[in-house]
Amino acid sequence: MLQMSISGQSPEIQAFVSYLKEQALFDVQQQEMVQEAVDSTDTEIIKLDVTTNLLKPTVRKMVIVKLTTVQGKEFDIALLDSMSFKSGDLTIVRGKNYDIFAG
């Protein structure tokens, strides 16, 4: 959990907190007023407890694409986040491949 202290003018704080609540990666658990503004020029301070799933690993689907050359040789390519579609007689495949030994 993250704890944030935010200070500023009330309308700016309200706009920021509203924006933060709309974000899918953040969940505002608790909001506490530390110092309330007396008028529109005073500084207001609030404290927020926020949870996030930014640091949680996501499971990504890996697909093995098997390719065959004209000579009949076969080889495999592992792709993350792959997509494929047909365009006429062609099948187009796209995805991400990481070679940790490339350099």
PDB file of N, CA and C in Angstrom:
ATOM      1  N   MET A   1       0.844  -1.171   0.000  1.00  0.00           N
ATOM      2  CA  MET A   1       0.000   0.000   0.000  1.00  0.00           C
ATOM      3  C   MET A   1       0.890   1.234   0.000  1.00  0.00           C
ATOM      4  N   LEU A   2       0.452   2.236  -0.718  1.00  0.00           N
ATOM      5  CA  LEU A   2       1.143   3.519  -0.768  1.00  0.00           C
ATOM      6  C   LEU A   2       0.394   4.523   0.091  1.00  0.00           C
ATOM      7  N   GLN A   3       1.129   5.411   0.740  1.00  0.00           N
ATOM      8  CA  GLN A   3       0.512   6.513   1.473  1.00  0.00           C
ATOM      9  C   GLN A   3       0.993   7.804   0.840  1.00  0.00           C
ATOM     10  N   MET A   4       0.047   8.668   0.507  1.00  0.00           N
ATOM     11  CA  MET A   4       0.368   9.931  -0.143  1.00  0.00           C
ATOM     12  C   MET A   4      -0.146  11.084   0.700  1.00  0.00           C
ATOM     13  N   SER A   5       0.653  12.125   0.822  1.00  0.00           N
ATOM     14  CA  SER A   5       0.195  13.385   1.405  1.00  0.00           C
ATOM     15  C   SER A   5       0.176  14.398   0.277  1.00  0.00           C
ATOM     16  N   ILE A   6      -0.961  15.042   0.099  1.00  0.00           N
ATOM     17  CA  ILE A   6      -1.125  15.986  -0.999  1.00  0.00           C
ATOM     18  C   ILE A   6      -1.514  17.334  -0.417  1.00  0.00           C
ATOM     19  N   SER A   7      -0.809  18.376  -0.841  1.00  0.00           N
ATOM     20  CA  SER A   7      -1.163  19.721  -0.379  1.00  0.00           C
ATOM     21  C   SER A   7      -1.371  20.613  -1.588  1.00  0.00           C
ATOM     22  N   GLY A   8      -2.274  21.544  -1.439  1.00  0.00           N
ATOM     23  CA  GLY A   8      -2.576  22.475  -2.518  1.00  0.00           C
ATOM     24  C   GLY A   8      -3.925  23.103  -2.294  1.00  0.00           C
ATOM     25  N   GLN A   9      -4.408  23.787  -3.299  1.00  0.00           N
ATOM     26  CA  GLN A   9      -5.727  24.388  -3.203  1.00  0.00           C
ATOM     27  C   GLN A   9      -6.788  23.321  -3.429  1.00  0.00           C
ATOM     28  N   SER A  10      -7.895  23.471  -2.737  1.00  0.00           N
ATOM     29  CA  SER A  10      -8.949  22.462  -2.707  1.00  0.00           C
ATOM     30  C   SER A  10      -9.412  21.987  -4.089  1.00  0.00           C
ATOM     31  N   PRO A  11      -9.685  22.876  -5.049  1.00  0.00           N
ATOM     32  CA  PRO A  11     -10.146  22.395  -6.363  1.00  0.00           C
ATOM     33  C   PRO A  11      -9.111  21.529  -7.078  1.00  0.00           C
ATOM     34  N   GLU A  12      -7.829  21.890  -6.943  1.00  0.00           N
ATOM     35  CA  GLU A  12      -6.773  21.099  -7.578  1.00  0.00           C
ATOM     36  C   GLU A  12      -6.654  19.729  -6.928  1.00  0.00           C
ATOM     37  N   ILE A  13      -6.753  19.680  -5.609  1.00  0.00           N
ATOM     38  CA  ILE A  13      -6.684  18.399  -4.902  1.00  0.00           C
ATOM     39  C   ILE A  13      -7.861  17.524  -5.296  1.00  0.00           C
ATOM     40  N   GLN A  14      -9.055  18.098  -5.317  1.00  0.00           N
ATOM     41  CA  GLN A  14     -10.240  17.318  -5.681  1.00  0.00           C
ATOM     42  C   GLN A  14     -10.125  16.774  -7.099  1.00  0.00           C
ATOM     43  N   ALA A  15      -9.613  17.576  -8.022  1.00  0.00           N
ATOM     44  CA  ALA A  15      -9.433  17.127  -9.404  1.00  0.00           C
ATOM     45  C   ALA A  15      -8.422  15.986  -9.477  1.00  0.00           C
ATOM     46  N   PHE A  16      -7.312  16.115  -8.731  1.00  0.00           N
ATOM     47  CA  PHE A  16      -6.291  15.069  -8.742  1.00  0.00           C
ATOM     48  C   PHE A  16      -6.818  13.770  -8.151  1.00  0.00           C
ATOM     49  N   VAL A  17      -7.503  13.842  -7.017  1.00  0.00           N
ATOM     50  CA  VAL A  17      -8.039  12.639  -6.367  1.00  0.00           C
ATOM     51  C   VAL A  17      -9.083  11.980  -7.268  1.00  0.00           C
ATOM     52  N   SER A  18      -9.923  12.767  -7.915  1.00  0.00           N
ATOM     53  CA  SER A  18     -10.915  12.209  -8.846  1.00  0.00           C
ATOM     54  C   SER A  18     -10.225  11.488  -9.994  1.00  0.00           C
ATOM     55  N   TYR A  19      -9.176  12.101 -10.539  1.00  0.00           N
ATOM     56  CA  TYR A  19      -8.411  11.477 -11.618  1.00  0.00           C
ATOM     57  C   TYR A  19      -7.774  10.168 -11.151  1.00  0.00           C
ATOM     58  N   LEU A  20      -7.194  10.179  -9.960  1.00  0.00           N
ATOM     59  CA  LEU A  20      -6.551   8.987  -9.417  1.00  0.00           C
ATOM     60  C   LEU A  20      -7.556   7.857  -9.229  1.00  0.00           C
ATOM     61  N   LYS A  21      -8.759   8.183  -8.773  1.00  0.00           N
ATOM     62  CA  LYS A  21      -9.794   7.169  -8.560  1.00  0.00           C
ATOM     63  C   LYS A  21     -10.269   6.551  -9.871  1.00  0.00           C
ATOM     64  N   GLU A  22     -10.150   7.272 -10.971  1.00  0.00           N
ATOM     65  CA  GLU A  22     -10.581   6.767 -12.273  1.00  0.00           C
ATOM     66  C   GLU A  22      -9.567   5.821 -12.901  1.00  0.00           C
ATOM     67  N   GLN A  23      -8.341   5.825 -12.417  1.00  0.00           N
ATOM     68  CA  GLN A  23      -7.290   5.010 -13.006  1.00  0.00           C
ATOM     69  C   GLN A  23      -7.443   3.551 -12.593  1.00  0.00           C
ATOM     70  N   ALA A  24      -7.327   2.653 -13.564  1.00  0.00           N
ATOM     71  CA  ALA A  24      -7.524   1.227 -13.301  1.00  0.00           C
ATOM     72  C   ALA A  24      -6.427   0.628 -12.426  1.00  0.00           C
ATOM     73  N   LEU A  25      -5.241   1.199 -12.448  1.00  0.00           N
ATOM     74  CA  LEU A  25      -4.118   0.625 -11.708  1.00  0.00           C
ATOM     75  C   LEU A  25      -4.076   1.041 -10.245  1.00  0.00           C
ATOM     76  N   PHE A  26      -4.930   1.989  -9.843  1.00  0.00           N
ATOM     77  CA  PHE A  26      -4.905   2.490  -8.476  1.00  0.00           C
ATOM     78  C   PHE A  26      -6.279   2.366  -7.832  1.00  0.00           C
ATOM     79  N   ASP A  27      -6.283   2.079  -6.543  1.00  0.00           N
ATOM     80  CA  ASP A  27      -7.525   2.002  -5.778  1.00  0.00           C
ATOM     81  C   ASP A  27      -7.331   2.812  -4.499  1.00  0.00           C
ATOM     82  N   VAL A  28      -8.053   3.921  -4.385  1.00  0.00           N
ATOM     83  CA  VAL A  28      -7.955   4.774  -3.201  1.00  0.00           C
ATOM     84  C   VAL A  28      -8.751   4.112  -2.084  1.00  0.00           C
ATOM     85  N   GLN A  29      -8.046   3.653  -1.040  1.00  0.00           N
ATOM     86  CA  GLN A  29      -8.673   2.929   0.060  1.00  0.00           C
ATOM     87  C   GLN A  29      -9.258   3.871   1.101  1.00  0.00           C
ATOM     88  N   GLN A  30      -8.518   4.914   1.431  1.00  0.00           N
ATOM     89  CA  GLN A  30      -8.939   5.818   2.501  1.00  0.00           C
ATOM     90  C   GLN A  30      -8.442   7.221   2.190  1.00  0.00           C
ATOM     91  N   GLN A  31      -9.242   8.195   2.539  1.00  0.00           N
ATOM     92  CA  GLN A  31      -8.887   9.598   2.337  1.00  0.00           C
ATOM     93  C   GLN A  31      -9.130  10.327   3.651  1.00  0.00           C
ATOM     94  N   GLU A  32      -8.096  10.994   4.158  1.00  0.00           N
ATOM     95  CA  GLU A  32      -8.197  11.668   5.455  1.00  0.00           C
ATOM     96  C   GLU A  32      -7.780  13.133   5.312  1.00  0.00           C
ATOM     97  N   MET A  33      -8.588  14.027   5.838  1.00  0.00           N
ATOM     98  CA  MET A  33      -8.280  15.459   5.817  1.00  0.00           C
ATOM     99  C   MET A  33      -7.289  15.754   6.948  1.00  0.00           C
ATOM    100  N   VAL A  34      -6.118  16.300   6.616  1.00  0.00           N
ATOM    101  CA  VAL A  34      -5.115  16.661   7.612  1.00  0.00           C
ATOM    102  C   VAL A  34      -5.262  18.131   7.991  1.00  0.00           C
ATOM    103  N   GLN A  35      -5.415  18.975   6.982  1.00  0.00           N
ATOM    104  CA  GLN A  35      -5.596  20.412   7.221  1.00  0.00           C
ATOM    105  C   GLN A  35      -6.624  20.920   6.220  1.00  0.00           C
ATOM    106  N   GLU A  36      -7.731  21.416   6.717  1.00  0.00           N
ATOM    107  CA  GLU A  36      -8.799  21.894   5.848  1.00  0.00           C
ATOM    108  C   GLU A  36      -8.583  23.365   5.512  1.00  0.00           C
ATOM    109  N   ALA A  37      -8.870  23.723   4.270  1.00  0.00           N
ATOM    110  CA  ALA A  37      -8.732  25.116   3.832  1.00  0.00           C
ATOM    111  C   ALA A  37      -9.869  25.948   4.397  1.00  0.00           C
ATOM    112  N   VAL A  38      -9.534  27.137   4.907  1.00  0.00           N
ATOM    113  CA  VAL A  38     -10.542  28.051   5.455  1.00  0.00           C
ATOM    114  C   VAL A  38     -11.219  28.815   4.316  1.00  0.00           C
ATOM    115  N   ASP A  39     -10.426  29.282   3.355  1.00  0.00           N
ATOM    116  CA  ASP A  39     -11.008  29.937   2.185  1.00  0.00           C
ATOM    117  C   ASP A  39     -10.315  29.414   0.927  1.00  0.00           C
ATOM    118  N   SER A  40     -10.663  29.950  -0.234  1.00  0.00           N
ATOM    119  CA  SER A  40     -10.178  29.407  -1.508  1.00  0.00           C
ATOM    120  C   SER A  40      -8.683  29.614  -1.737  1.00  0.00           C
ATOM    121  N   THR A  41      -8.043  30.499  -0.984  1.00  0.00           N
ATOM    122  CA  THR A  41      -6.604  30.726  -1.168  1.00  0.00           C
ATOM    123  C   THR A  41      -5.755  29.923  -0.184  1.00  0.00           C
ATOM    124  N   ASP A  42      -6.376  29.304   0.803  1.00  0.00           N
ATOM    125  CA  ASP A  42      -5.637  28.511   1.790  1.00  0.00           C
ATOM    126  C   ASP A  42      -5.199  27.172   1.192  1.00  0.00           C
ATOM    127  N   THR A  43      -4.150  26.653   1.800  1.00  0.00           N
ATOM    128  CA  THR A  43      -3.655  25.342   1.410  1.00  0.00           C
ATOM    129  C   THR A  43      -4.382  24.270   2.208  1.00  0.00           C
ATOM    130  N   GLU A  44      -4.764  23.221   1.493  1.00  0.00           N
ATOM    131  CA  GLU A  44      -5.425  22.076   2.111  1.00  0.00           C
ATOM    132  C   GLU A  44      -4.460  20.898   2.035  1.00  0.00           C
ATOM    133  N   ILE A  45      -4.459  20.056   3.038  1.00  0.00           N
ATOM    134  CA  ILE A  45      -3.597  18.870   3.032  1.00  0.00           C
ATOM    135  C   ILE A  45      -4.473  17.657   3.286  1.00  0.00           C
ATOM    136  N   ILE A  46      -4.335  16.644   2.418  1.00  0.00           N
ATOM    137  CA  ILE A  46      -5.047  15.386   2.642  1.00  0.00           C
ATOM    138  C   ILE A  46      -4.050  14.237   2.599  1.00  0.00           C
ATOM    139  N   LYS A  47      -4.439  13.137   3.205  1.00  0.00           N
ATOM    140  CA  LYS A  47      -3.619  11.926   3.218  1.00  0.00           C
ATOM    141  C   LYS A  47      -4.435  10.825   2.555  1.00  0.00           C
ATOM    142  N   LEU A  48      -3.815  10.101   1.620  1.00  0.00           N
ATOM    143  CA  LEU A  48      -4.482   9.017   0.910  1.00  0.00           C
ATOM    144  C   LEU A  48      -3.757   7.709   1.149  1.00  0.00           C
ATOM    145  N   ASP A  49      -4.515   6.640   1.326  1.00  0.00           N
ATOM    146  CA  ASP A  49      -3.971   5.289   1.295  1.00  0.00           C
ATOM    147  C   ASP A  49      -4.410   4.688  -0.031  1.00  0.00           C
ATOM    148  N   VAL A  50      -3.429   4.260  -0.832  1.00  0.00           N
ATOM    149  CA  VAL A  50      -3.706   3.795  -2.186  1.00  0.00           C
ATOM    150  C   VAL A  50      -3.073   2.428  -2.388  1.00  0.00           C
ATOM    151  N   THR A  51      -3.826   1.511  -2.968  1.00  0.00           N
ATOM    152  CA  THR A  51      -3.245   0.231  -3.378  1.00  0.00           C
ATOM    153  C   THR A  51      -3.085   0.260  -4.894  1.00  0.00           C
ATOM    154  N   THR A  52      -2.124  -0.504  -5.371  1.00  0.00           N
ATOM    155  CA  THR A  52      -1.851  -0.545  -6.805  1.00  0.00           C
ATOM    156  C   THR A  52      -1.492  -1.959  -7.221  1.00  0.00           C
ATOM    157  N   ASN A  53      -1.784  -2.286  -8.469  1.00  0.00           N
ATOM    158  CA  ASN A  53      -1.348  -3.570  -9.005  1.00  0.00           C
ATOM    159  C   ASN A  53      -0.241  -3.365 -10.039  1.00  0.00           C
ATOM    160  N   LEU A  54       0.454  -2.246  -9.955  1.00  0.00           N
ATOM    161  CA  LEU A  54       1.561  -1.969 -10.869  1.00  0.00           C
ATOM    162  C   LEU A  54       2.688  -2.985 -10.740  1.00  0.00           C
ATOM    163  N   LEU A  55       2.930  -3.452  -9.533  1.00  0.00           N
ATOM    164  CA  LEU A  55       4.079  -4.324  -9.294  1.00  0.00           C
ATOM    165  C   LEU A  55       3.741  -5.801  -9.351  1.00  0.00           C
ATOM    166  N   LYS A  56       2.474  -6.133  -9.584  1.00  0.00           N
ATOM    167  CA  LYS A  56       2.100  -7.538  -9.680  1.00  0.00           C
ATOM    168  C   LYS A  56       2.433  -8.039 -11.080  1.00  0.00           C
ATOM    169  N   PRO A  57       3.081  -9.195 -11.169  1.00  0.00           N
ATOM    170  CA  PRO A  57       3.405  -9.706 -12.502  1.00  0.00           C
ATOM    171  C   PRO A  57       2.137 -10.133 -13.239  1.00  0.00           C
ATOM    172  N   THR A  58       2.135  -9.916 -14.536  1.00  0.00           N
ATOM    173  CA  THR A  58       1.009 -10.356 -15.344  1.00  0.00           C
ATOM    174  C   THR A  58       1.409 -11.605 -16.110  1.00  0.00           C
ATOM    175  N   VAL A  59       0.471 -12.486 -16.294  1.00  0.00           N
ATOM    176  CA  VAL A  59       0.726 -13.707 -17.047  1.00  0.00           C
ATOM    177  C   VAL A  59       0.534 -13.379 -18.521  1.00  0.00           C
ATOM    178  N   ARG A  60       1.562 -13.623 -19.295  1.00  0.00           N
ATOM    179  CA  ARG A  60       1.495 -13.343 -20.724  1.00  0.00           C
ATOM    180  C   ARG A  60       1.535 -14.663 -21.475  1.00  0.00           C
ATOM    181  N   LYS A  61       0.703 -14.765 -22.463  1.00  0.00           N
ATOM    182  CA  LYS A  61       0.604 -16.002 -23.228  1.00  0.00           C
ATOM    183  C   LYS A  61       1.749 -16.081 -24.236  1.00  0.00           C
ATOM    184  N   MET A  62       2.442 -17.229 -24.228  1.00  0.00           N
ATOM    185  CA  MET A  62       3.506 -17.460 -25.191  1.00  0.00           C
ATOM    186  C   MET A  62       3.008 -18.462 -26.223  1.00  0.00           C
ATOM    187  N   VAL A  63       3.293 -18.185 -27.487  1.00  0.00           N
ATOM    188  CA  VAL A  63       2.891 -19.055 -28.585  1.00  0.00           C
ATOM    189  C   VAL A  63       4.148 -19.471 -29.331  1.00  0.00           C
ATOM    190  N   ILE A  64       4.225 -20.744 -29.699  1.00  0.00           N
ATOM    191  CA  ILE A  64       5.332 -21.241 -30.512  1.00  0.00           C
ATOM    192  C   ILE A  64       4.855 -21.285 -31.960  1.00  0.00           C
ATOM    193  N   VAL A  65       5.544 -20.552 -32.827  1.00  0.00           N
ATOM    194  CA  VAL A  65       5.223 -20.546 -34.254  1.00  0.00           C
ATOM    195  C   VAL A  65       6.216 -21.466 -34.948  1.00  0.00           C
ATOM    196  N   LYS A  66       5.696 -22.457 -35.671  1.00  0.00           N
ATOM    197  CA  LYS A  66       6.550 -23.393 -36.407  1.00  0.00           C
ATOM    198  C   LYS A  66       6.601 -22.951 -37.863  1.00  0.00           C
ATOM    199  N   LEU A  67       7.804 -22.715 -38.355  1.00  0.00           N
ATOM    200  CA  LEU A  67       8.002 -22.283 -39.737  1.00  0.00           C
ATOM    201  C   LEU A  67       8.751 -23.360 -40.501  1.00  0.00           C
ATOM    202  N   THR A  68       8.400 -23.525 -41.765  1.00  0.00           N
ATOM    203  CA  THR A  68       9.059 -24.500 -42.627  1.00  0.00           C
ATOM    204  C   THR A  68       9.602 -23.769 -43.846  1.00  0.00           C
ATOM    205  N   THR A  69      10.886 -23.973 -44.135  1.00  0.00           N
ATOM    206  CA  THR A  69      11.505 -23.333 -45.297  1.00  0.00           C
ATOM    207  C   THR A  69      11.141 -24.102 -46.560  1.00  0.00           C
ATOM    208  N   VAL A  70      11.483 -23.534 -47.704  1.00  0.00           N
ATOM    209  CA  VAL A  70      11.232 -24.192 -48.991  1.00  0.00           C
ATOM    210  C   VAL A  70      11.995 -25.513 -49.063  1.00  0.00           C
ATOM    211  N   GLN A  71      13.158 -25.594 -48.414  1.00  0.00           N
ATOM    212  CA  GLN A  71      13.968 -26.812 -48.415  1.00  0.00           C
ATOM    213  C   GLN A  71      13.444 -27.853 -47.424  1.00  0.00           C
ATOM    214  N   GLY A  72      12.432 -27.530 -46.653  1.00  0.00           N
ATOM    215  CA  GLY A  72      11.847 -28.485 -45.717  1.00  0.00           C
ATOM    216  C   GLY A  72      12.383 -28.390 -44.298  1.00  0.00           C
ATOM    217  N   LYS A  73      13.301 -27.460 -44.044  1.00  0.00           N
ATOM    218  CA  LYS A  73      13.798 -27.295 -42.677  1.00  0.00           C
ATOM    219  C   LYS A  73      12.725 -26.632 -41.826  1.00  0.00           C
ATOM    220  N   GLU A  74      12.618 -27.090 -40.584  1.00  0.00           N
ATOM    221  CA  GLU A  74      11.639 -26.517 -39.660  1.00  0.00           C
ATOM    222  C   GLU A  74      12.363 -25.812 -38.515  1.00  0.00           C
ATOM    223  N   PHE A  75      11.799 -24.716 -38.071  1.00  0.00           N
ATOM    224  CA  PHE A  75      12.310 -24.065 -36.869  1.00  0.00           C
ATOM    225  C   PHE A  75      11.161 -23.386 -36.143  1.00  0.00           C
ATOM    226  N   ASP A  76      11.369 -23.196 -34.843  1.00  0.00           N
ATOM    227  CA  ASP A  76      10.337 -22.636 -33.976  1.00  0.00           C
ATOM    228  C   ASP A  76      10.755 -21.245 -33.500  1.00  0.00           C
ATOM    229  N   ILE A  77       9.767 -20.385 -33.361  1.00  0.00           N
ATOM    230  CA  ILE A  77       9.985 -19.058 -32.788  1.00  0.00           C
ATOM    231  C   ILE A  77       8.955 -18.873 -31.681  1.00  0.00           C
ATOM    232  N   ALA A  78       9.430 -18.546 -30.481  1.00  0.00           N
ATOM    233  CA  ALA A  78       8.529 -18.276 -29.355  1.00  0.00           C
ATOM    234  C   ALA A  78       8.149 -16.799 -29.389  1.00  0.00           C
ATOM    235  N   LEU A  79       6.846 -16.527 -29.365  1.00  0.00           N
ATOM    236  CA  LEU A  79       6.353 -15.156 -29.422  1.00  0.00           C
ATOM    237  C   LEU A  79       5.460 -14.850 -28.231  1.00  0.00           C
ATOM    238  N   LEU A  80       5.633 -13.668 -27.678  1.00  0.00           N
ATOM    239  CA  LEU A  80       4.718 -13.154 -26.655  1.00  0.00           C
ATOM    240  C   LEU A  80       3.757 -12.178 -27.320  1.00  0.00           C
ATOM    241  N   ASP A  81       2.568 -12.087 -26.777  1.00  0.00           N
ATOM    242  CA  ASP A  81       1.560 -11.135 -27.263  1.00  0.00           C
ATOM    243  C   ASP A  81       1.347 -11.275 -28.767  1.00  0.00           C
ATOM    244  N   SER A  82       1.215 -12.499 -29.228  1.00  0.00           N
ATOM    245  CA  SER A  82       1.124 -12.730 -30.666  1.00  0.00           C
ATOM    246  C   SER A  82      -0.290 -12.538 -31.198  1.00  0.00           C
ATOM    247  N   MET A  83      -0.339 -12.226 -32.477  1.00  0.00           N
ATOM    248  CA  MET A  83      -1.593 -12.117 -33.211  1.00  0.00           C
ATOM    249  C   MET A  83      -1.339 -12.676 -34.598  1.00  0.00           C
ATOM    250  N   SER A  84      -2.357 -13.258 -35.198  1.00  0.00           N
ATOM    251  CA  SER A  84      -2.225 -13.713 -36.576  1.00  0.00           C
ATOM    252  C   SER A  84      -3.521 -13.434 -37.315  1.00  0.00           C
ATOM    253  N   PHE A  85      -3.382 -13.201 -38.613  1.00  0.00           N
ATOM    254  CA  PHE A  85      -4.562 -13.002 -39.447  1.00  0.00           C
ATOM    255  C   PHE A  85      -4.215 -13.356 -40.881  1.00  0.00           C
ATOM    256  N   LYS A  86      -5.239 -13.654 -41.665  1.00  0.00           N
ATOM    257  CA  LYS A  86      -5.059 -14.026 -43.066  1.00  0.00           C
ATOM    258  C   LYS A  86      -5.286 -12.814 -43.942  1.00  0.00           C
ATOM    259  N   SER A  87      -4.470 -12.724 -44.974  1.00  0.00           N
ATOM    260  CA  SER A  87      -4.613 -11.692 -45.989  1.00  0.00           C
ATOM    261  C   SER A  87      -4.436 -12.377 -47.336  1.00  0.00           C
ATOM    262  N   GLY A  88      -5.538 -12.754 -47.942  1.00  0.00           N
ATOM    263  CA  GLY A  88      -5.468 -13.520 -49.186  1.00  0.00           C
ATOM    264  C   GLY A  88      -4.925 -14.907 -48.894  1.00  0.00           C
ATOM    265  N   ASP A  89      -3.849 -15.279 -49.596  1.00  0.00           N
ATOM    266  CA  ASP A  89      -3.217 -16.588 -49.382  1.00  0.00           C
ATOM    267  C   ASP A  89      -2.169 -16.550 -48.280  1.00  0.00           C
ATOM    268  N   LEU A  90      -1.901 -15.387 -47.732  1.00  0.00           N
ATOM    269  CA  LEU A  90      -0.858 -15.242 -46.718  1.00  0.00           C
ATOM    270  C   LEU A  90      -1.438 -15.291 -45.310  1.00  0.00           C
ATOM    271  N   THR A  91      -0.666 -15.840 -44.386  1.00  0.00           N
ATOM    272  CA  THR A  91      -0.978 -15.744 -42.967  1.00  0.00           C
ATOM    273  C   THR A  91       0.080 -14.849 -42.344  1.00  0.00           C
ATOM    274  N   ILE A  92      -0.359 -13.770 -41.748  1.00  0.00           N
ATOM    275  CA  ILE A  92       0.559 -12.804 -41.145  1.00  0.00           C
ATOM    276  C   ILE A  92       0.553 -13.018 -39.638  1.00  0.00           C
ATOM    277  N   VAL A  93       1.744 -13.181 -39.074  1.00  0.00           N
ATOM    278  CA  VAL A  93       1.902 -13.422 -37.641  1.00  0.00           C
ATOM    279  C   VAL A  93       2.779 -12.315 -37.082  1.00  0.00           C
ATOM    280  N   ARG A  94       2.351 -11.746 -35.956  1.00  0.00           N
ATOM    281  CA  ARG A  94       3.170 -10.734 -35.294  1.00  0.00           C
ATOM    282  C   ARG A  94       3.229 -11.053 -33.809  1.00  0.00           C
ATOM    283  N   GLY A  95       4.307 -10.645 -33.174  1.00  0.00           N
ATOM    284  CA  GLY A  95       4.472 -10.855 -31.747  1.00  0.00           C
ATOM    285  C   GLY A  95       5.827 -10.342 -31.309  1.00  0.00           C
ATOM    286  N   LYS A  96       6.145 -10.581 -30.053  1.00  0.00           N
ATOM    287  CA  LYS A  96       7.410 -10.111 -29.486  1.00  0.00           C
ATOM    288  C   LYS A  96       8.288 -11.315 -29.176  1.00  0.00           C
ATOM    289  N   ASN A  97       9.554 -11.206 -29.568  1.00  0.00           N
ATOM    290  CA  ASN A  97      10.523 -12.253 -29.292  1.00  0.00           C
ATOM    291  C   ASN A  97      11.748 -11.594 -28.681  1.00  0.00           C
ATOM    292  N   TYR A  98      12.201 -12.133 -27.563  1.00  0.00           N
ATOM    293  CA  TYR A  98      13.353 -11.569 -26.871  1.00  0.00           C
ATOM    294  C   TYR A  98      14.497 -12.570 -26.895  1.00  0.00           C
ATOM    295  N   ASP A  99      15.630 -12.145 -27.423  1.00  0.00           N
ATOM    296  CA  ASP A  99      16.821 -12.978 -27.448  1.00  0.00           C
ATOM    297  C   ASP A  99      17.801 -12.395 -26.437  1.00  0.00           C
ATOM    298  N   ILE A 100      17.917 -13.070 -25.295  1.00  0.00           N
ATOM    299  CA  ILE A 100      18.774 -12.532 -24.235  1.00  0.00           C
ATOM    300  C   ILE A 100      20.257 -12.626 -24.581  1.00  0.00           C
ATOM    301  N   PHE A 101      20.587 -13.408 -25.617  1.00  0.00           N
ATOM    302  CA  PHE A 101      21.985 -13.559 -25.988  1.00  0.00           C
ATOM    303  C   PHE A 101      22.377 -12.648 -27.147  1.00  0.00           C
ATOM    304  N   ALA A 102      21.423 -11.941 -27.724  1.00  0.00           N
ATOM    305  CA  ALA A 102      21.736 -11.038 -28.835  1.00  0.00           C
ATOM    306  C   ALA A 102      22.545  -9.860 -28.308  1.00  0.00           C
ATOM    307  N   GLY A 103      23.416  -9.386 -29.075  1.00  0.00           N
ATOM    308  CA  GLY A 103      24.184  -8.251 -28.586  1.00  0.00           C
ATOM    309  C   GLY A 103      25.007  -7.717 -29.613  1.00  0.00           C
TER     310      GLY A 103
END
